[in-house]
Amino acid sequence: MQRASHHELRSAFRALLNSNSCYHTASVFDPMSARIAADLGFEVGILGGSVASLQVLAAPDFALITLSEFVEQATRIGRVARLPVIADADHGYGNALNVMRTVVELERAGIAALTIEDTLLPAQFGRKSTDLISVEEGVGKIRAALEARVDPELAIIARTHAGVLAPDEVIRRTVAYQAAGADGICIVGIEDFEHLEKIAAHLSIPLMLVTYGNPKLRDNARLASLGVRIVVNGHAAYFAAIKATYDCLREQRQVVASDLSASELAHKYTQPEEYFVWAEEFMDVKE
């Protein structure tokens, strides 16, 4: 199969956004997984920030991965991808000027769309990892991202966390990002359809939900009717790969079987406790 150009893949993603259907992402984390996802008929893939941190650093999702490391992985995927790939670009790796650099590098890597979130990352001294920047700074980041892109087909998606905000504040933020020119709104933490309806009523651009398989949000037709075009159920494929690697190597060494799940194995081998100790010592973090 002949590989489509990056521009053609971005156009294909735009077609998904402009459709009346809801699509579920494949978690792609390296060139092989991207090829598998396309071969299985997935319409869109996503490179998660947490997955990139695991794959590249074997580190937990504490905003430790750098832009250059993330872009390197995105470039490897973009080199072979036959489906449009969304990049979870976290906070854009800094302020609005850093966001511009992020867009330039990810566009060059072949990404079809990217999300920029309004979380205050990395967590600052005495602050929680779920704290958010101001709406004004979030708007500035979206405007900067739009200014930096060269290919107008590259989709810039503003992301916020409904799970840590009151509905009125979610509406205020997402309406502001829509007015700033975002091509879509990504929302994390939607509880159920009533929650979604309350927010979606104020938006006219396509929605992307990070649901982590929430059983209360599994009606595809209803999601589509509310403007949801992309759903991220999580990154089960990557965690399955961790589990398969562990089991294969364990059998090779004839080690007694472990009852640890894939997520428990990821926790074990990223050693997050070390980071918690350092954060408490140097950052006074009180969750």
Protein backbone atom coordinates (compact mmCIF):
# COMPACT_ATOMS: atom_id res chain seq x y z
CA MET A 1 0.00 0.00 0.00
CA GLN A 2 1.34 3.42 -0.94
CA ARG A 3 1.77 5.76 2.01
CA ALA A 4 -0.24 8.98 1.91
CA SER A 5 1.52 12.32 2.31
CA HIS A 6 1.35 14.13 5.63
CA HIS A 7 -0.95 16.70 4.06
CA GLU A 8 -3.28 13.97 2.79
CA LEU A 9 -3.41 12.36 6.25
CA ARG A 10 -4.27 15.74 7.78
CA SER A 11 -7.03 16.18 5.21
CA ALA A 12 -8.31 12.72 6.12
CA PHE A 13 -8.45 13.76 9.78
CA ARG A 14 -10.30 16.95 8.84
CA ALA A 15 -12.84 14.77 7.07
CA LEU A 16 -13.39 12.84 10.30
CA LEU A 17 -13.95 16.09 12.19
CA ASN A 18 -16.40 17.29 9.54
CA SER A 19 -18.36 14.04 9.45
CA ASN A 20 -21.44 13.07 11.44
CA SER A 21 -19.80 10.03 13.04
CA CYS A 22 -17.78 9.26 16.14
CA TYR A 23 -14.42 7.47 15.80
CA HIS A 24 -12.31 5.67 18.37
CA THR A 25 -8.54 6.06 18.39
CA ALA A 26 -5.91 3.36 18.24
CA SER A 27 -3.07 3.86 20.71
CA VAL A 28 0.08 4.01 18.57
CA PHE A 29 3.46 4.24 20.23
CA ASP A 30 5.98 3.17 17.58
CA PRO A 31 6.11 2.54 13.81
CA MET A 32 4.97 -1.09 14.11
CA SER A 33 1.87 -0.25 16.14
CA ALA A 34 0.99 2.52 13.64
CA ARG A 35 1.19 0.06 10.75
CA ILE A 36 -0.90 -2.51 12.63
CA ALA A 37 -3.59 0.07 13.46
CA ALA A 38 -3.88 1.15 9.83
CA ASP A 39 -3.97 -2.44 8.59
CA LEU A 40 -6.81 -3.21 11.02
CA GLY A 41 -8.85 -0.35 9.64
CA PHE A 42 -8.57 2.25 12.37
CA GLU A 43 -9.39 5.70 11.05
CA VAL A 44 -7.14 7.58 13.49
CA GLY A 45 -4.35 6.92 15.99
CA ILE A 46 -3.05 8.80 18.99
CA LEU A 47 0.42 9.11 20.50
CA GLY A 48 -0.25 9.72 24.19
CA GLY A 49 2.09 11.82 26.29
CA SER A 50 1.96 9.25 29.07
CA VAL A 51 2.69 6.44 26.62
CA ALA A 52 5.63 8.33 25.12
CA SER A 53 7.03 8.83 28.61
CA LEU A 54 6.76 5.10 29.28
CA GLN A 55 8.12 4.06 25.89
CA VAL A 56 11.02 6.52 25.71
CA LEU A 57 11.99 6.98 29.37
CA ALA A 58 10.33 4.15 31.33
CA ALA A 59 9.15 7.05 33.49
CA PRO A 60 5.71 7.90 34.91
CA ASP A 61 3.55 10.63 33.42
CA PHE A 62 5.04 13.55 35.39
CA ALA A 63 5.89 15.81 32.41
CA LEU A 64 9.46 14.51 32.39
CA ILE A 65 9.77 13.86 28.66
CA THR A 66 11.21 16.73 26.62
CA LEU A 67 9.87 18.15 23.37
CA SER A 68 12.81 16.76 21.40
CA GLU A 69 12.30 13.25 22.81
CA PHE A 70 8.57 13.37 22.08
CA VAL A 71 9.15 14.69 18.56
CA GLU A 72 11.69 11.95 17.84
CA GLN A 73 9.10 9.30 18.64
CA ALA A 74 6.42 11.14 16.64
CA THR A 75 8.82 11.33 13.69
CA ARG A 76 9.43 7.58 13.74
CA ILE A 77 5.67 7.03 13.64
CA GLY A 78 5.07 9.72 11.03
CA ARG A 79 7.65 8.16 8.74
CA VAL A 80 5.49 5.05 8.19
CA ALA A 81 1.97 6.04 9.25
CA ARG A 82 -0.89 5.31 6.87
CA LEU A 83 -3.51 6.76 9.18
CA PRO A 84 -3.75 10.25 10.69
CA VAL A 85 -2.14 10.45 14.13
CA ILE A 86 -3.04 12.86 16.93
CA ALA A 87 -0.21 13.94 19.22
CA ASP A 88 -0.97 14.54 22.87
CA ALA A 89 1.32 17.56 23.14
CA ASP A 90 0.53 18.13 26.83
CA HIS A 91 0.94 21.83 27.72
CA GLY A 92 2.99 22.56 24.60
CA TYR A 93 6.20 22.15 26.61
CA GLY A 94 6.10 25.63 28.11
CA ASN A 95 4.54 29.00 27.44
CA ALA A 96 2.93 30.29 24.23
CA LEU A 97 6.30 30.70 22.53
CA ASN A 98 7.22 27.11 23.41
CA VAL A 99 3.85 26.05 21.99
CA MET A 100 4.84 27.62 18.67
CA ARG A 101 8.03 25.57 18.63
CA THR A 102 6.05 22.46 19.52
CA VAL A 103 3.69 22.97 16.58
CA VAL A 104 6.56 23.54 14.15
CA GLU A 105 8.36 20.36 15.22
CA LEU A 106 5.28 18.12 15.34
CA GLU A 107 4.06 19.37 11.98
CA ARG A 108 7.45 18.50 10.52
CA ALA A 109 7.17 15.05 12.16
CA GLY A 110 4.00 14.33 10.18
CA ILE A 111 1.39 14.61 12.93
CA ALA A 112 -2.18 15.24 11.68
CA ALA A 113 -3.50 16.95 14.81
CA LEU A 114 -2.30 17.88 18.26
CA THR A 115 -3.89 18.72 21.58
CA ILE A 116 -2.69 21.59 23.77
CA GLU A 117 -4.01 21.49 27.32
CA ASP A 118 -4.46 24.19 29.93
CA THR A 119 -2.95 22.17 32.77
CA LEU A 120 -0.15 23.87 34.70
CA LEU A 121 2.73 21.59 33.71
CA PRO A 122 5.13 20.62 35.00
CA ALA A 123 3.63 20.92 38.47
CA GLN A 124 5.12 23.89 40.30
CA PHE A 125 6.34 24.24 43.88
CA GLY A 126 3.44 23.66 46.27
CA ARG A 127 0.95 23.14 43.40
CA LYS A 128 -1.01 20.06 42.35
CA SER A 129 -0.50 18.29 39.04
CA THR A 130 -4.13 19.02 38.15
CA ASP A 131 -3.92 22.81 38.60
CA LEU A 132 -4.79 24.85 35.50
CA ILE A 133 -3.42 28.01 33.93
CA SER A 134 -5.71 31.00 33.43
CA VAL A 135 -8.18 31.08 30.56
CA GLU A 136 -6.29 34.05 29.11
CA GLU A 137 -3.01 32.12 29.03
CA GLY A 138 -4.80 29.13 27.53
CA VAL A 139 -6.25 31.33 24.79
CA GLY A 140 -2.79 32.74 24.12
CA LYS A 141 -1.42 29.24 23.65
CA ILE A 142 -4.13 28.31 21.14
CA ARG A 143 -3.63 31.53 19.18
CA ALA A 144 0.13 30.95 19.16
CA ALA A 145 -0.35 27.38 17.92
CA LEU A 146 -2.54 28.57 15.06
CA GLU A 147 0.02 31.21 14.13
CA ALA A 148 2.86 28.67 14.06
CA ARG A 149 1.33 26.04 11.79
CA VAL A 150 2.22 26.09 8.11
CA ASP A 151 -0.18 23.46 6.74
CA PRO A 152 -3.71 24.80 7.39
CA GLU A 153 -4.97 21.19 7.47
CA LEU A 154 -3.06 20.53 10.71
CA ALA A 155 -5.74 20.50 13.42
CA ILE A 156 -5.12 22.37 16.68
CA ILE A 157 -7.30 20.99 19.47
CA ALA A 158 -7.67 22.77 22.82
CA ARG A 159 -7.86 20.42 25.79
CA THR A 160 -9.19 20.98 29.31
CA HIS A 161 -10.10 18.84 32.33
CA ALA A 162 -13.81 18.78 33.17
CA GLY A 163 -13.12 16.40 36.03
CA VAL A 164 -11.51 19.12 38.16
CA LEU A 165 -13.80 22.02 37.18
CA ALA A 166 -17.39 23.03 37.73
CA PRO A 167 -19.49 22.83 34.52
CA ASP A 168 -19.78 26.62 34.26
CA GLU A 169 -15.99 26.96 34.32
CA VAL A 170 -15.60 24.22 31.69
CA ILE A 171 -18.06 26.10 29.50
CA ARG A 172 -16.24 29.40 30.03
CA ARG A 173 -12.89 27.88 29.08
CA THR A 174 -14.04 25.86 26.09
CA VAL A 175 -16.10 28.73 24.65
CA ALA A 176 -13.02 30.97 24.92
CA TYR A 177 -10.85 28.39 23.14
CA GLN A 178 -13.47 28.02 20.44
CA ALA A 179 -13.52 31.80 19.96
CA ALA A 180 -9.71 31.79 19.75
CA GLY A 181 -9.95 29.59 16.63
CA ALA A 182 -9.32 26.06 17.94
CA ASP A 183 -10.31 23.39 15.41
CA GLY A 184 -11.75 21.20 18.15
CA ILE A 185 -12.16 20.86 21.90
CA CYS A 186 -10.77 17.90 23.84
CA ILE A 187 -12.34 17.27 27.24
CA VAL A 188 -11.10 14.90 29.96
CA GLY A 189 -13.27 13.83 32.86
CA ILE A 190 -16.79 13.91 31.43
CA GLU A 191 -18.89 11.86 33.85
CA ASP A 192 -21.96 10.94 31.80
CA PHE A 193 -24.23 12.15 29.01
CA GLU A 194 -25.98 14.70 31.22
CA HIS A 195 -22.59 16.25 31.99
CA LEU A 196 -21.62 16.21 28.32
CA GLU A 197 -24.91 17.72 27.14
CA LYS A 198 -24.55 20.63 29.55
CA ILE A 199 -21.19 21.55 28.00
CA ALA A 200 -21.77 20.57 24.37
CA ALA A 201 -24.80 22.85 24.13
CA HIS A 202 -22.45 25.86 24.16
CA LEU A 203 -20.01 24.60 21.51
CA SER A 204 -20.22 24.40 17.74
CA ILE A 205 -16.84 22.89 16.85
CA PRO A 206 -16.02 19.14 16.96
CA LEU A 207 -15.42 17.50 20.32
CA MET A 208 -12.85 14.93 21.37
CA LEU A 209 -13.37 13.02 24.62
CA VAL A 210 -10.83 11.16 26.73
CA THR A 211 -13.12 8.64 28.45
CA TYR A 212 -10.78 5.82 29.56
CA GLY A 213 -13.59 3.42 28.71
CA ASN A 214 -16.23 5.09 30.91
CA PRO A 215 -19.24 2.73 30.57
CA LYS A 216 -21.63 5.68 30.90
CA LEU A 217 -20.36 7.10 27.59
CA ARG A 218 -20.57 4.09 25.27
CA ASP A 219 -23.45 5.14 23.00
CA ASN A 220 -21.66 6.02 19.77
CA ALA A 221 -24.73 7.42 18.03
CA ARG A 222 -25.55 9.65 21.00
CA LEU A 223 -21.95 10.85 21.22
CA ALA A 224 -22.01 11.72 17.53
CA SER A 225 -25.29 13.61 17.90
CA LEU A 226 -23.63 15.80 20.56
CA GLY A 227 -20.74 16.70 18.27
CA VAL A 228 -18.21 14.16 19.53
CA ARG A 229 -16.03 13.04 16.63
CA ILE A 230 -13.06 11.46 18.43
CA VAL A 231 -13.01 9.23 21.53
CA VAL A 232 -9.86 8.13 23.33
CA ASN A 233 -10.65 5.08 25.44
CA GLY A 234 -7.13 4.82 26.81
CA HIS A 235 -3.96 3.03 25.78
CA ALA A 236 -4.74 -0.64 26.33
CA ALA A 237 -2.62 -1.75 23.37
CA TYR A 238 0.53 -0.31 24.89
CA PHE A 239 -0.12 -1.85 28.30
CA ALA A 240 -0.85 -5.17 26.64
CA ALA A 241 2.57 -4.94 25.00
CA ILE A 242 4.19 -4.43 28.41
CA LYS A 243 2.37 -7.47 29.77
CA ALA A 244 3.28 -9.61 26.76
CA THR A 245 6.95 -8.62 27.01
CA TYR A 246 7.02 -9.44 30.71
CA ASP A 247 5.35 -12.81 30.24
CA CYS A 248 7.59 -13.78 27.32
CA LEU A 249 10.81 -12.90 29.17
CA ARG A 250 9.53 -14.49 32.39
CA GLU A 251 8.82 -17.76 30.60
CA GLN A 252 12.23 -17.63 28.94
CA ARG A 253 13.88 -17.36 32.36
CA GLN A 254 11.44 -19.92 33.86
CA VAL A 255 10.35 -17.47 36.55
CA VAL A 256 7.16 -18.26 38.46
CA ALA A 257 4.14 -16.53 36.94
CA SER A 258 3.18 -13.17 38.41
CA ASP A 259 -0.40 -12.05 38.96
CA LEU A 260 0.48 -8.39 38.33
CA SER A 261 -1.74 -6.68 35.77
CA ALA A 262 -0.33 -4.66 32.87
CA SER A 263 -0.89 -1.36 34.69
CA GLU A 264 0.70 -2.79 37.85
CA LEU A 265 3.73 -3.87 35.85
CA ALA A 266 4.00 -0.38 34.35
CA HIS A 267 3.85 1.07 37.87
CA LYS A 268 6.50 -1.36 39.11
CA TYR A 269 9.02 -0.64 36.37
CA THR A 270 8.58 3.14 36.20
CA GLN A 271 9.34 3.37 39.92
CA PRO A 272 7.11 6.38 40.65
CA GLU A 273 7.80 6.20 44.39
CA GLU A 274 11.24 7.71 43.79
CA TYR A 275 9.65 10.71 42.08
CA PHE A 276 7.13 11.12 44.90
CA VAL A 277 9.99 11.26 47.42
CA TRP A 278 11.88 13.82 45.35
CA ALA A 279 8.76 15.90 44.79
CA GLU A 280 8.03 15.98 48.52
CA GLU A 281 11.61 16.92 49.31
CA PHE A 282 12.17 19.54 46.63
CA MET A 283 8.70 20.75 45.61
CA ASP A 284 6.64 20.62 48.82
CA VAL A 285 3.88 18.88 46.88
CA LYS A 286 0.78 18.20 48.99
CA GLU A 287 -1.83 16.38 46.89
